[in-house]
Structures are given as structure tokens and as C-alpha cells.
Amino acid sequence: MKYAIIADVHSNLEALQRVLKEIKFRKINQIVCLGDVIGYAANPKECLKIVTEISRTVVMGNHERALEDIDLRFHFHDMAVKAIAWTSIKLTAKEKEIVRKFPYITIDKKNDTTWTHGSIHEPHLFHYLLDDQNVSLSFHSLETKIGFFGHTHVPSIYSESGRASYLAEGVHKLDPSERYLVNPGSVGQPRERDRRLSFSIYDSDQYIVEIIRLPYDNKRAAQKIRKAGLPEFLAERL
């Protein structure tokens, strides 16, 4: 099975459209979204519609959860709070109902793969997989050969044997004797010096992960953020 795995689109329509254009040229069986379709940028409605139409699985991100969970917003920085409040006004009750049904975690036992936004353990709490403790707890909870997560906006890989590294652009052949946790990076708001969007293709038969980085019209996406009256830093970050 060959998957296209996208995460953290964050209402960035220009980046999402560029990803879809690339996917058309590849022999993909399924598209999976690891949450945070919305938030930050100016096209939440369009991105939500596209992602839910094309994806076999869309899991709940913390920005989706924050549409209705006001307490969760206390864990957000001010710009994220302003963006999710703006997004909440833009989305209809029907669109929010669609989001409400997103699962926190999906386990594909047939292809030995797990999908979530934050951590495998306590997925409803959206822990960041950045430290040894959360990585270890997630491996302990992982029921499959490999798990994919988002949330950090940085392409990365952890092995159960203790190796951890940034996941560079290109093809990565995984060790069949190992279990892994993999982050495909962010489509809509990469948090590195590389401003190009990031997503991955996973071949479950060959146990291969490919990280794809692509330029897109980030200037247009930034202009939309400014026009919407969202915080300036959200435009500059692109």
C-alpha cells in the first residue's frame, strides 16, 4: 500500500494545492491527513473541504479540538488563539460537525500502521513527540509496526532502539527489524529554515518513507493572512 501522508495544513490553500498537484503524478493508493487542517492561515473552509474529500483518514488535531474546547486554547499562544477564534466564525455548524467526528487516533491493522496528530499515548492530550519520555510512552502504546504523527511541524523519525533524527528530503529505507515513529513535516507552516512545504509518501510493502519538499506560492498565502486581519507574524512565518 502506498500512502501520501499530509499534516498541519493549517488553512494554507496554496500549499495544499501544490501537494495535490504532486500527488497526481505518483501512484498513491490512499491519502491520510494527520490533523490540524485548520488554524493560522486564511482558507479554513476550502482546506477542510478538500482534505475531507480526498483523504481516507483525517485525525483530530489540537486546532480542530480548540474550535469548541475553549479550555484548550489556554495552552495556545496568543496568535493561535486569535486565528482559531477567527476560524470558528468562518466555519458553519455543518463544517464543525464534520470536524467533531474526527478520531484522535486510527489504527490500520491490515497495513500495520497507526495515524495520530500528537502522541500515540494519550492522543487526546496532544503531547509533542520531542523528548525521550513521550517518545518512549508512545512506543509502549504503539500496536503496529510504524506510527505517523504531526504537531511539531518538523520532519523527523524515531526508532524503538533509541535513534532519533531530522528526516531530510529524499527516500529512506527503513530497517524491517525496527519499529518507527515518523513525522512527515508540515504542509502549511514548516517550522525550520526551509520554507518549502513538506509531506511524505509511505510504501508499507517496501517499508520505505519518502520526504518531499516543494516550493509553493507562500507570498500569496501570506497576503491572504494579512487581508484577513490575522496576526502579522503568521504571514511572516511562511
Protein backbone atom coordinates (compact mmCIF):
# COMPACT_ATOMS: atom_id res chain seq x y z
CA MET A 1 0.00 0.00 0.00
CA LYS A 2 1.32 3.42 -0.92
CA TYR A 3 0.14 6.37 1.16
CA ALA A 4 0.51 10.11 0.74
CA ILE A 5 0.69 11.49 4.28
CA ILE A 6 -0.05 15.15 4.94
CA ALA A 7 -0.11 17.01 8.24
CA ASP A 8 -0.56 20.51 9.61
CA VAL A 9 -2.09 22.11 6.53
CA HIS A 10 -3.28 24.99 8.72
CA SER A 11 -5.67 26.60 6.23
CA ASN A 12 -2.86 27.17 3.71
CA LEU A 13 -4.66 26.58 0.43
CA GLU A 14 -1.70 27.41 -1.80
CA ALA A 15 0.47 24.78 -0.10
CA LEU A 16 -2.30 22.18 -0.15
CA GLN A 17 -2.98 22.69 -3.85
CA ARG A 18 0.73 22.27 -4.60
CA VAL A 19 0.76 18.97 -2.69
CA LEU A 20 -2.26 17.68 -4.60
CA LYS A 21 -0.64 18.58 -7.90
CA GLU A 22 2.40 16.50 -6.93
CA ILE A 23 0.31 13.56 -5.70
CA LYS A 24 -1.39 13.29 -9.10
CA PHE A 25 1.92 12.28 -10.66
CA ARG A 26 2.51 9.48 -8.16
CA LYS A 27 0.84 6.10 -7.83
CA ILE A 28 -0.87 6.68 -4.49
CA ASN A 29 -3.45 4.28 -3.05
CA GLN A 30 -4.64 6.43 -0.15
CA ILE A 31 -4.21 9.90 1.30
CA VAL A 32 -4.06 10.30 5.08
CA CYS A 33 -4.19 13.59 6.99
CA LEU A 34 -2.67 13.78 10.47
CA GLY A 35 -4.75 16.70 11.71
CA ASP A 36 -4.59 20.49 12.05
CA VAL A 37 -6.24 21.11 8.71
CA ILE A 38 -7.31 24.49 10.09
CA GLY A 39 -5.82 27.35 12.08
CA TYR A 40 -3.28 30.10 11.36
CA ALA A 41 -3.94 30.88 7.67
CA ALA A 42 -6.87 32.28 5.72
CA ASN A 43 -8.59 29.38 3.91
CA PRO A 44 -10.03 27.02 6.54
CA LYS A 45 -13.25 26.27 4.65
CA GLU A 46 -11.53 25.41 1.41
CA CYS A 47 -8.84 23.29 3.04
CA LEU A 48 -11.34 21.41 5.20
CA LYS A 49 -13.50 20.62 2.17
CA ILE A 50 -10.59 19.40 0.07
CA VAL A 51 -8.92 17.33 2.78
CA THR A 52 -12.10 15.57 3.88
CA GLU A 53 -12.99 14.75 0.27
CA ILE A 54 -9.63 13.29 -0.72
CA SER A 55 -8.48 11.58 2.48
CA ARG A 56 -9.28 8.08 3.62
CA THR A 57 -8.46 9.14 7.17
CA VAL A 58 -8.35 12.54 8.86
CA VAL A 59 -7.44 12.54 12.54
CA MET A 60 -8.23 15.22 15.10
CA GLY A 61 -5.63 17.92 15.61
CA ASN A 62 -5.45 20.28 18.56
CA HIS A 63 -6.63 23.17 16.37
CA GLU A 64 -9.73 21.20 15.38
CA ARG A 65 -10.36 20.34 19.01
CA ALA A 66 -9.93 24.00 20.02
CA LEU A 67 -12.86 25.05 17.85
CA GLU A 68 -15.14 24.01 20.71
CA ASP A 69 -12.79 23.25 23.60
CA ILE A 70 -12.19 26.77 24.90
CA ASP A 71 -10.06 25.46 27.77
CA LEU A 72 -7.60 24.01 25.28
CA ARG A 73 -6.99 27.48 23.92
CA PHE A 74 -5.29 28.42 27.21
CA HIS A 75 -2.41 26.23 26.03
CA PHE A 76 -2.14 28.18 22.75
CA HIS A 77 -0.03 31.27 22.17
CA ASP A 78 -1.95 34.50 21.53
CA MET A 79 -1.64 34.36 17.74
CA ALA A 80 -3.01 30.83 17.62
CA VAL A 81 -5.94 31.85 19.84
CA LYS A 82 -6.77 34.77 17.55
CA ALA A 83 -6.54 32.55 14.49
CA ILE A 84 -8.76 29.78 15.87
CA ALA A 85 -11.34 32.34 17.06
CA TRP A 86 -11.38 33.82 13.54
CA THR A 87 -11.63 30.33 12.04
CA SER A 88 -14.52 29.39 14.32
CA ILE A 89 -16.51 32.34 12.98
CA LYS A 90 -15.80 31.36 9.38
CA LEU A 91 -16.88 27.71 9.68
CA THR A 92 -20.54 26.69 9.58
CA ALA A 93 -22.25 24.42 12.10
CA LYS A 94 -22.20 21.65 9.49
CA GLU A 95 -18.46 22.04 8.95
CA LYS A 96 -17.86 21.97 12.69
CA GLU A 97 -19.91 18.79 12.94
CA ILE A 98 -17.63 17.17 10.36
CA VAL A 99 -14.59 18.16 12.41
CA ARG A 100 -16.18 16.90 15.62
CA LYS A 101 -16.26 13.38 14.19
CA PHE A 102 -12.53 13.19 13.50
CA PRO A 103 -10.93 10.38 15.57
CA TYR A 104 -7.92 11.09 17.77
CA ILE A 105 -6.13 8.02 16.50
CA THR A 106 -6.65 5.45 13.75
CA ILE A 107 -5.04 2.02 13.66
CA ASP A 108 -4.76 0.27 10.29
CA LYS A 109 -4.02 -3.29 11.40
CA LYS A 110 -4.10 -4.66 7.86
CA ASN A 111 -1.16 -2.47 6.87
CA ASP A 112 0.35 -2.36 10.38
CA THR A 113 0.19 1.43 10.62
CA THR A 114 -1.05 3.96 13.19
CA TRP A 115 -2.08 7.56 12.50
CA THR A 116 -2.43 10.36 15.06
CA HIS A 117 -1.73 14.08 15.43
CA GLY A 118 0.34 14.31 18.59
CA SER A 119 1.34 11.26 20.59
CA ILE A 120 0.34 7.61 20.32
CA HIS A 121 -0.18 7.52 24.08
CA GLU A 122 -2.99 9.79 25.29
CA PRO A 123 -3.68 11.07 21.76
CA HIS A 124 -6.47 13.32 23.07
CA LEU A 125 -3.87 15.33 25.04
CA PHE A 126 -1.69 16.12 22.00
CA HIS A 127 1.71 15.60 23.62
CA TYR A 128 4.62 16.78 21.49
CA LEU A 129 6.95 13.95 20.49
CA LEU A 130 10.11 15.90 21.16
CA ASP A 131 11.52 14.29 24.30
CA ASP A 132 12.59 10.80 25.31
CA GLN A 133 9.76 10.28 27.78
CA ASN A 134 6.91 10.97 25.35
CA VAL A 135 8.62 9.00 22.60
CA SER A 136 9.09 6.03 24.94
CA LEU A 137 5.48 6.17 26.13
CA SER A 138 4.26 6.33 22.54
CA PHE A 139 6.29 3.27 21.54
CA HIS A 140 4.86 1.46 24.57
CA SER A 141 1.33 2.27 23.31
CA LEU A 142 2.06 1.60 19.64
CA GLU A 143 0.25 -1.54 18.45
CA THR A 144 1.66 -1.54 14.92
CA LYS A 145 4.98 -1.65 13.10
CA ILE A 146 5.01 2.07 12.41
CA GLY A 147 3.20 5.18 13.62
CA PHE A 148 2.85 8.55 11.93
CA PHE A 149 2.29 11.80 13.80
CA GLY A 150 2.30 15.55 13.17
CA HIS A 151 2.06 18.52 15.56
CA THR A 152 5.75 19.51 15.69
CA HIS A 153 5.86 20.71 12.06
CA VAL A 154 9.32 19.16 11.63
CA PRO A 155 10.01 16.01 9.55
CA SER A 156 11.61 13.55 11.94
CA ILE A 157 11.99 9.87 12.76
CA TYR A 158 12.39 7.86 15.96
CA SER A 159 13.31 4.20 16.17
CA GLU A 160 12.33 1.98 19.08
CA SER A 161 16.01 1.17 19.61
CA GLY A 162 16.62 4.80 20.52
CA ARG A 163 17.76 6.53 17.35
CA ALA A 164 16.26 9.94 16.59
CA SER A 165 16.95 12.29 13.71
CA TYR A 166 15.70 15.01 11.43
CA LEU A 167 14.21 13.41 8.33
CA ALA A 168 15.78 15.03 5.30
CA GLU A 169 14.26 15.30 1.85
CA GLY A 170 14.57 12.05 -0.07
CA VAL A 171 13.92 8.32 0.15
CA HIS A 172 14.55 6.45 3.41
CA LYS A 173 14.61 2.65 3.51
CA LEU A 174 13.59 1.53 6.99
CA ASP A 175 15.06 -1.40 8.88
CA PRO A 176 12.45 -4.22 8.79
CA SER A 177 13.53 -5.36 12.27
CA GLU A 178 12.72 -1.93 13.77
CA ARG A 179 9.56 -0.07 14.74
CA TYR A 180 9.34 3.63 13.98
CA LEU A 181 7.52 6.86 14.72
CA VAL A 182 7.62 9.25 11.76
CA ASN A 183 6.63 12.88 11.28
CA PRO A 184 6.13 13.92 7.61
CA GLY A 185 6.60 17.61 8.37
CA SER A 186 4.08 20.37 7.77
CA VAL A 187 2.27 21.23 4.55
CA GLY A 188 1.08 24.65 5.62
CA GLN A 189 3.56 26.02 8.15
CA PRO A 190 7.03 24.41 8.18
CA ARG A 191 8.99 25.39 11.29
CA GLU A 192 12.53 25.17 10.00
CA ARG A 193 14.83 27.35 7.96
CA ASP A 194 13.42 25.56 4.92
CA ARG A 195 10.18 27.32 3.99
CA ARG A 196 9.18 24.69 1.45
CA LEU A 197 6.15 22.57 2.27
CA SER A 198 6.76 19.03 3.49
CA PHE A 199 4.81 15.79 3.21
CA SER A 200 5.64 12.12 2.86
CA ILE A 201 4.90 9.04 0.82
CA TYR A 202 4.96 5.74 2.70
CA ASP A 203 5.19 2.37 0.96
CA SER A 204 4.07 -0.18 3.55
CA ASP A 205 5.07 -3.14 1.35
CA GLN A 206 8.65 -1.93 0.87
CA TYR A 207 8.91 -0.21 4.28
CA ILE A 208 10.09 3.00 2.65
CA VAL A 209 9.37 6.60 3.66
CA GLU A 210 10.00 9.45 1.24
CA ILE A 211 10.05 13.06 2.38
CA ILE A 212 9.05 15.51 -0.33
CA ARG A 213 9.81 19.24 -0.12
CA LEU A 214 8.26 21.63 -2.61
CA PRO A 215 8.14 25.39 -3.12
CA TYR A 216 4.71 26.99 -3.37
CA ASP A 217 3.21 30.48 -3.59
CA ASN A 218 3.83 31.39 0.04
CA LYS A 219 3.69 35.09 -0.78
CA ARG A 220 0.07 34.76 -1.88
CA ALA A 221 -0.76 32.74 1.23
CA ALA A 222 0.84 35.46 3.37
CA GLN A 223 -1.09 38.21 1.57
CA LYS A 224 -4.35 36.41 2.36
CA ILE A 225 -3.42 36.23 6.04
CA ARG A 226 -2.80 39.97 6.12
CA LYS A 227 -6.00 40.73 4.23
CA ALA A 228 -7.99 38.63 6.71
CA GLY A 229 -6.64 40.72 9.59
CA LEU A 230 -4.84 37.80 11.20
CA PRO A 231 -1.60 38.42 13.16
CA GLU A 232 1.28 39.64 11.00
CA PHE A 233 3.69 37.04 12.34
CA LEU A 234 1.54 34.28 10.84
CA ALA A 235 2.20 35.80 7.42
CA GLU A 236 5.91 36.38 8.08
CA ARG A 237 6.35 32.80 9.27
CA LEU A 238 5.58 31.47 5.79
